[in-house]
PDB file of N, CA and C in Angstrom:
ATOM      1  N   MET A   1       0.843  -1.170   0.000  1.00  0.00           N
ATOM      2  CA  MET A   1       0.000   0.000   0.000  1.00  0.00           C
ATOM      3  C   MET A   1       0.896   1.244   0.000  1.00  0.00           C
ATOM      4  N   ILE A   2       0.411   2.309  -0.544  1.00  0.00           N
ATOM      5  CA  ILE A   2       1.158   3.558  -0.651  1.00  0.00           C
ATOM      6  C   ILE A   2       1.031   4.350   0.654  1.00  0.00           C
ATOM      7  N   THR A   3       2.156   4.879   1.106  1.00  0.00           N
ATOM      8  CA  THR A   3       2.148   5.692   2.326  1.00  0.00           C
ATOM      9  C   THR A   3       1.852   7.154   1.983  1.00  0.00           C
ATOM     10  N   LEU A   4       1.563   7.946   3.002  1.00  0.00           N
ATOM     11  CA  LEU A   4       1.311   9.368   2.811  1.00  0.00           C
ATOM     12  C   LEU A   4       2.523  10.047   2.186  1.00  0.00           C
ATOM     13  N   GLU A   5       3.711   9.700   2.652  1.00  0.00           N
ATOM     14  CA  GLU A   5       4.936  10.300   2.124  1.00  0.00           C
ATOM     15  C   GLU A   5       5.107   9.981   0.640  1.00  0.00           C
ATOM     16  N   GLU A   6       4.822   8.737   0.248  1.00  0.00           N
ATOM     17  CA  GLU A   6       4.919   8.352  -1.167  1.00  0.00           C
ATOM     18  C   GLU A   6       3.875   9.085  -2.004  1.00  0.00           C
ATOM     19  N   ALA A   7       2.672   9.228  -1.466  1.00  0.00           N
ATOM     20  CA  ALA A   7       1.599   9.912  -2.192  1.00  0.00           C
ATOM     21  C   ALA A   7       1.973  11.352  -2.476  1.00  0.00           C
ATOM     22  N   GLN A   8       2.600  12.017  -1.516  1.00  0.00           N
ATOM     23  CA  GLN A   8       2.945  13.421  -1.670  1.00  0.00           C
ATOM     24  C   GLN A   8       4.047  13.647  -2.701  1.00  0.00           C
ATOM     25  N   GLN A   9       4.741  12.592  -3.108  1.00  0.00           N
ATOM     26  CA  GLN A   9       5.763  12.707  -4.142  1.00  0.00           C
ATOM     27  C   GLN A   9       5.141  12.751  -5.537  1.00  0.00           C
ATOM     28  N   TRP A  10       3.873  12.386  -5.657  1.00  0.00           N
ATOM     29  CA  TRP A  10       3.178  12.375  -6.940  1.00  0.00           C
ATOM     30  C   TRP A  10       2.339  13.632  -7.068  1.00  0.00           C
ATOM     31  N   THR A  11       2.176  14.100  -8.303  1.00  0.00           N
ATOM     32  CA  THR A  11       1.298  15.232  -8.566  1.00  0.00           C
ATOM     33  C   THR A  11       0.286  14.837  -9.636  1.00  0.00           C
ATOM     34  N   CYS A  12      -0.850  15.490  -9.595  1.00  0.00           N
ATOM     35  CA  CYS A  12      -1.904  15.251 -10.572  1.00  0.00           C
ATOM     36  C   CYS A  12      -1.465  15.821 -11.917  1.00  0.00           C
ATOM     37  N   ASP A  13      -1.558  15.033 -12.962  1.00  0.00           N
ATOM     38  CA  ASP A  13      -1.166  15.482 -14.290  1.00  0.00           C
ATOM     39  C   ASP A  13      -2.108  16.573 -14.797  1.00  0.00           C
ATOM     40  N   ALA A  14      -3.374  16.495 -14.428  1.00  0.00           N
ATOM     41  CA  ALA A  14      -4.363  17.469 -14.898  1.00  0.00           C
ATOM     42  C   ALA A  14      -4.273  18.795 -14.153  1.00  0.00           C
ATOM     43  N   CYS A  15      -4.070  18.743 -12.821  1.00  0.00           N
ATOM     44  CA  CYS A  15      -4.125  19.954 -11.987  1.00  0.00           C
ATOM     45  C   CYS A  15      -2.763  20.431 -11.488  1.00  0.00           C
ATOM     46  N   GLY A  16      -1.796  19.506 -11.436  1.00  0.00           N
ATOM     47  CA  GLY A  16      -0.481  19.858 -10.919  1.00  0.00           C
ATOM     48  C   GLY A  16      -0.398  19.904  -9.407  1.00  0.00           C
ATOM     49  N   LYS A  17      -1.463  19.514  -8.710  1.00  0.00           N
ATOM     50  CA  LYS A  17      -1.487  19.535  -7.241  1.00  0.00           C
ATOM     51  C   LYS A  17      -0.856  18.254  -6.696  1.00  0.00           C
ATOM     52  N   PRO A  18      -0.166  18.341  -5.540  1.00  0.00           N
ATOM     53  CA  PRO A  18       0.339  17.129  -4.892  1.00  0.00           C
ATOM     54  C   PRO A  18      -0.835  16.254  -4.448  1.00  0.00           C
ATOM     55  N   LEU A  19      -0.681  14.954  -4.575  1.00  0.00           N
ATOM     56  CA  LEU A  19      -1.739  14.035  -4.171  1.00  0.00           C
ATOM     57  C   LEU A  19      -1.820  13.948  -2.659  1.00  0.00           C
ATOM     58  N   VAL A  20      -3.012  13.654  -2.161  1.00  0.00           N
ATOM     59  CA  VAL A  20      -3.257  13.447  -0.738  1.00  0.00           C
ATOM     60  C   VAL A  20      -3.953  12.099  -0.576  1.00  0.00           C
ATOM     61  N   MET A  21      -3.812  11.506   0.602  1.00  0.00           N
ATOM     62  CA  MET A  21      -4.507  10.251   0.861  1.00  0.00           C
ATOM     63  C   MET A  21      -5.977  10.556   1.111  1.00  0.00           C
ATOM     64  N   ARG A  22      -6.852   9.786   0.469  1.00  0.00           N
ATOM     65  CA  ARG A  22      -8.287  10.020   0.576  1.00  0.00           C
ATOM     66  C   ARG A  22      -9.002   8.675   0.516  1.00  0.00           C
ATOM     67  N   GLU A  23     -10.103   8.563   1.257  1.00  0.00           N
ATOM     68  CA  GLU A  23     -10.910   7.348   1.191  1.00  0.00           C
ATOM     69  C   GLU A  23     -11.672   7.356  -0.134  1.00  0.00           C
ATOM     70  N   VAL A  24     -11.513   6.270  -0.881  1.00  0.00           N
ATOM     71  CA  VAL A  24     -12.135   6.131  -2.195  1.00  0.00           C
ATOM     72  C   VAL A  24     -13.069   4.930  -2.164  1.00  0.00           C
ATOM     73  N   GLU A  25     -14.228   5.048  -2.762  1.00  0.00           N
ATOM     74  CA  GLU A  25     -15.174   3.938  -2.817  1.00  0.00           C
ATOM     75  C   GLU A  25     -15.122   3.309  -4.202  1.00  0.00           C
ATOM     76  N   PHE A  26     -14.917   1.985  -4.230  1.00  0.00           N
ATOM     77  CA  PHE A  26     -14.902   1.228  -5.473  1.00  0.00           C
ATOM     78  C   PHE A  26     -16.176   0.413  -5.566  1.00  0.00           C
ATOM     79  N   TYR A  27     -16.715   0.333  -6.766  1.00  0.00           N
ATOM     80  CA  TYR A  27     -17.896  -0.489  -7.028  1.00  0.00           C
ATOM     81  C   TYR A  27     -17.501  -1.578  -8.010  1.00  0.00           C
ATOM     82  N   TYR A  28     -17.893  -2.806  -7.694  1.00  0.00           N
ATOM     83  CA  TYR A  28     -17.627  -3.917  -8.610  1.00  0.00           C
ATOM     84  C   TYR A  28     -18.734  -4.935  -8.443  1.00  0.00           C
ATOM     85  N   LEU A  29     -19.316  -5.339  -9.551  1.00  0.00           N
ATOM     86  CA  LEU A  29     -20.467  -6.236  -9.560  1.00  0.00           C
ATOM     87  C   LEU A  29     -21.539  -5.630  -8.654  1.00  0.00           C
ATOM     88  N   ASN A  30     -22.007  -6.339  -7.652  1.00  0.00           N
ATOM     89  CA  ASN A  30     -23.044  -5.812  -6.764  1.00  0.00           C
ATOM     90  C   ASN A  30     -22.503  -5.325  -5.431  1.00  0.00           C
ATOM     91  N   GLY A  31     -21.198  -5.130  -5.350  1.00  0.00           N
ATOM     92  CA  GLY A  31     -20.612  -4.733  -4.076  1.00  0.00           C
ATOM     93  C   GLY A  31     -19.795  -3.461  -4.188  1.00  0.00           C
ATOM     94  N   SER A  32     -19.448  -2.923  -3.045  1.00  0.00           N
ATOM     95  CA  SER A  32     -18.569  -1.764  -2.992  1.00  0.00           C
ATOM     96  C   SER A  32     -17.641  -1.924  -1.791  1.00  0.00           C
ATOM     97  N   PHE A  33     -16.496  -1.266  -1.869  1.00  0.00           N
ATOM     98  CA  PHE A  33     -15.569  -1.285  -0.744  1.00  0.00           C
ATOM     99  C   PHE A  33     -14.787   0.017  -0.731  1.00  0.00           C
ATOM    100  N   HIS A  34     -14.289   0.384   0.454  1.00  0.00           N
ATOM    101  CA  HIS A  34     -13.567   1.639   0.657  1.00  0.00           C
ATOM    102  C   HIS A  34     -12.087   1.358   0.866  1.00  0.00           C
ATOM    103  N   VAL A  35     -11.248   2.186   0.228  1.00  0.00           N
ATOM    104  CA  VAL A  35      -9.798   2.047   0.324  1.00  0.00           C
ATOM    105  C   VAL A  35      -9.198   3.453   0.408  1.00  0.00           C
ATOM    106  N   ASN A  36      -8.154   3.619   1.202  1.00  0.00           N
ATOM    107  CA  ASN A  36      -7.423   4.889   1.232  1.00  0.00           C
ATOM    108  C   ASN A  36      -6.366   4.860   0.142  1.00  0.00           C
ATOM    109  N   LEU A  37      -6.477   5.817  -0.795  1.00  0.00           N
ATOM    110  CA  LEU A  37      -5.555   5.894  -1.923  1.00  0.00           C
ATOM    111  C   LEU A  37      -5.175   7.353  -2.173  1.00  0.00           C
ATOM    112  N   PRO A  38      -4.040   7.554  -2.858  1.00  0.00           N
ATOM    113  CA  PRO A  38      -3.663   8.917  -3.224  1.00  0.00           C
ATOM    114  C   PRO A  38      -4.643   9.466  -4.259  1.00  0.00           C
ATOM    115  N   ALA A  39      -5.079  10.701  -4.042  1.00  0.00           N
ATOM    116  CA  ALA A  39      -6.009  11.337  -4.966  1.00  0.00           C
ATOM    117  C   ALA A  39      -5.712  12.822  -5.035  1.00  0.00           C
ATOM    118  N   CYS A  40      -6.120  13.438  -6.124  1.00  0.00           N
ATOM    119  CA  CYS A  40      -5.946  14.874  -6.294  1.00  0.00           C
ATOM    120  C   CYS A  40      -6.971  15.609  -5.432  1.00  0.00           C
ATOM    121  N   PRO A  41      -6.521  16.563  -4.623  1.00  0.00           N
ATOM    122  CA  PRO A  41      -7.467  17.303  -3.783  1.00  0.00           C
ATOM    123  C   PRO A  41      -8.348  18.256  -4.599  1.00  0.00           C
ATOM    124  N   GLU A  42      -7.940  18.550  -5.822  1.00  0.00           N
ATOM    125  CA  GLU A  42      -8.695  19.488  -6.657  1.00  0.00           C
ATOM    126  C   GLU A  42      -9.738  18.769  -7.527  1.00  0.00           C
ATOM    127  N   CYS A  43      -9.295  17.818  -8.353  1.00  0.00           N
ATOM    128  CA  CYS A  43     -10.221  17.177  -9.299  1.00  0.00           C
ATOM    129  C   CYS A  43     -10.674  15.790  -8.860  1.00  0.00           C
ATOM    130  N   GLY A  44     -10.003  15.207  -7.852  1.00  0.00           N
ATOM    131  CA  GLY A  44     -10.414  13.906  -7.341  1.00  0.00           C
ATOM    132  C   GLY A  44      -9.853  12.715  -8.089  1.00  0.00           C
ATOM    133  N   LEU A  45      -9.030  12.941  -9.109  1.00  0.00           N
ATOM    134  CA  LEU A  45      -8.415  11.837  -9.850  1.00  0.00           C
ATOM    135  C   LEU A  45      -7.630  10.958  -8.887  1.00  0.00           C
ATOM    136  N   VAL A  46      -7.817   9.644  -8.976  1.00  0.00           N
ATOM    137  CA  VAL A  46      -7.205   8.690  -8.042  1.00  0.00           C
ATOM    138  C   VAL A  46      -6.018   8.010  -8.708  1.00  0.00           C
ATOM    139  N   PHE A  47      -4.931   7.849  -7.952  1.00  0.00           N
ATOM    140  CA  PHE A  47      -3.741   7.150  -8.438  1.00  0.00           C
ATOM    141  C   PHE A  47      -3.755   5.719  -7.917  1.00  0.00           C
ATOM    142  N   ILE A  48      -3.725   4.759  -8.835  1.00  0.00           N
ATOM    143  CA  ILE A  48      -3.641   3.341  -8.481  1.00  0.00           C
ATOM    144  C   ILE A  48      -2.355   2.817  -9.099  1.00  0.00           C
ATOM    145  N   ASN A  49      -1.389   2.446  -8.242  1.00  0.00           N
ATOM    146  CA  ASN A  49      -0.118   1.978  -8.777  1.00  0.00           C
ATOM    147  C   ASN A  49      -0.252   0.560  -9.345  1.00  0.00           C
ATOM    148  N   GLU A  50       0.739   0.155 -10.110  1.00  0.00           N
ATOM    149  CA  GLU A  50       0.700  -1.133 -10.801  1.00  0.00           C
ATOM    150  C   GLU A  50       0.582  -2.308  -9.838  1.00  0.00           C
ATOM    151  N   ALA A  51       1.297  -2.245  -8.725  1.00  0.00           N
ATOM    152  CA  ALA A  51       1.259  -3.342  -7.759  1.00  0.00           C
ATOM    153  C   ALA A  51      -0.146  -3.549  -7.207  1.00  0.00           C
ATOM    154  N   LEU A  52      -0.833  -2.466  -6.927  1.00  0.00           N
ATOM    155  CA  LEU A  52      -2.193  -2.565  -6.414  1.00  0.00           C
ATOM    156  C   LEU A  52      -3.144  -3.073  -7.499  1.00  0.00           C
ATOM    157  N   ALA A  53      -3.007  -2.548  -8.705  1.00  0.00           N
ATOM    158  CA  ALA A  53      -3.908  -2.928  -9.802  1.00  0.00           C
ATOM    159  C   ALA A  53      -3.754  -4.387 -10.193  1.00  0.00           C
ATOM    160  N   THR A  54      -2.533  -4.876 -10.260  1.00  0.00           N
ATOM    161  CA  THR A  54      -2.313  -6.255 -10.710  1.00  0.00           C
ATOM    162  C   THR A  54      -2.250  -7.249  -9.565  1.00  0.00           C
ATOM    163  N   GLY A  55      -2.141  -6.749  -8.346  1.00  0.00           N
ATOM    164  CA  GLY A  55      -2.056  -7.620  -7.185  1.00  0.00           C
ATOM    165  C   GLY A  55      -3.356  -7.703  -6.421  1.00  0.00           C
ATOM    166  N   LYS A  56      -3.505  -6.821  -5.465  1.00  0.00           N
ATOM    167  CA  LYS A  56      -4.641  -6.867  -4.542  1.00  0.00           C
ATOM    168  C   LYS A  56      -5.981  -6.699  -5.243  1.00  0.00           C
ATOM    169  N   MET A  57      -6.071  -5.746  -6.169  1.00  0.00           N
ATOM    170  CA  MET A  57      -7.353  -5.522  -6.847  1.00  0.00           C
ATOM    171  C   MET A  57      -7.728  -6.716  -7.720  1.00  0.00           C
ATOM    172  N   ALA A  58      -6.752  -7.314  -8.375  1.00  0.00           N
ATOM    173  CA  ALA A  58      -7.020  -8.495  -9.191  1.00  0.00           C
ATOM    174  C   ALA A  58      -7.473  -9.657  -8.304  1.00  0.00           C
ATOM    175  N   GLU A  59      -6.880  -9.766  -7.115  1.00  0.00           N
ATOM    176  CA  GLU A  59      -7.265 -10.811  -6.158  1.00  0.00           C
ATOM    177  C   GLU A  59      -8.706 -10.624  -5.700  1.00  0.00           C
ATOM    178  N   VAL A  60      -9.061  -9.400  -5.345  1.00  0.00           N
ATOM    179  CA  VAL A  60     -10.433  -9.108  -4.900  1.00  0.00           C
ATOM    180  C   VAL A  60     -11.411  -9.346  -6.027  1.00  0.00           C
ATOM    181  N   GLU A  61     -11.059  -8.945  -7.240  1.00  0.00           N
ATOM    182  CA  GLU A  61     -11.907  -9.167  -8.407  1.00  0.00           C
ATOM    183  C   GLU A  61     -12.196 -10.666  -8.585  1.00  0.00           C
ATOM    184  N   GLY A  62     -11.171 -11.492  -8.462  1.00  0.00           N
ATOM    185  CA  GLY A  62     -11.350 -12.924  -8.585  1.00  0.00           C
ATOM    186  C   GLY A  62     -12.257 -13.497  -7.506  1.00  0.00           C
ATOM    187  N   ILE A  63     -12.101 -13.038  -6.283  1.00  0.00           N
ATOM    188  CA  ILE A  63     -12.937 -13.511  -5.174  1.00  0.00           C
ATOM    189  C   ILE A  63     -14.390 -13.133  -5.414  1.00  0.00           C
ATOM    190  N   LEU A  64     -14.634 -11.885  -5.824  1.00  0.00           N
ATOM    191  CA  LEU A  64     -16.003 -11.442  -6.055  1.00  0.00           C
ATOM    192  C   LEU A  64     -16.648 -12.175  -7.222  1.00  0.00           C
ATOM    193  N   GLU A  65     -15.889 -12.472  -8.259  1.00  0.00           N
ATOM    194  CA  GLU A  65     -16.451 -13.171  -9.405  1.00  0.00           C
ATOM    195  C   GLU A  65     -16.748 -14.631  -9.112  1.00  0.00           C
ATOM    196  N   ASP A  66     -16.041 -15.212  -8.137  1.00  0.00           N
ATOM    197  CA  ASP A  66     -16.279 -16.610  -7.786  1.00  0.00           C
ATOM    198  C   ASP A  66     -17.544 -16.795  -6.973  1.00  0.00           C
ATOM    199  N   LYS A  67     -18.086 -15.720  -6.421  1.00  0.00           N
ATOM    200  CA  LYS A  67     -19.279 -15.824  -5.563  1.00  0.00           C
ATOM    201  C   LYS A  67     -20.523 -15.959  -6.386  1.00  0.00           C
TER     202      LYS A  67
END
């Protein structure tokens, strides 16, 4: 997972603002879950790094699809 310090090293490509950690709600199939991720404080664009996208999120996707 990304730390606050790591998040602050990234900036939003659209707004140029440093990212902040924010609770984000994801919807998939008939469920939703909340995760703290780096996001732009101005436009709300969320940063999902490769490790999260191909690791944990792919794992959760598989679990939800098996139900």
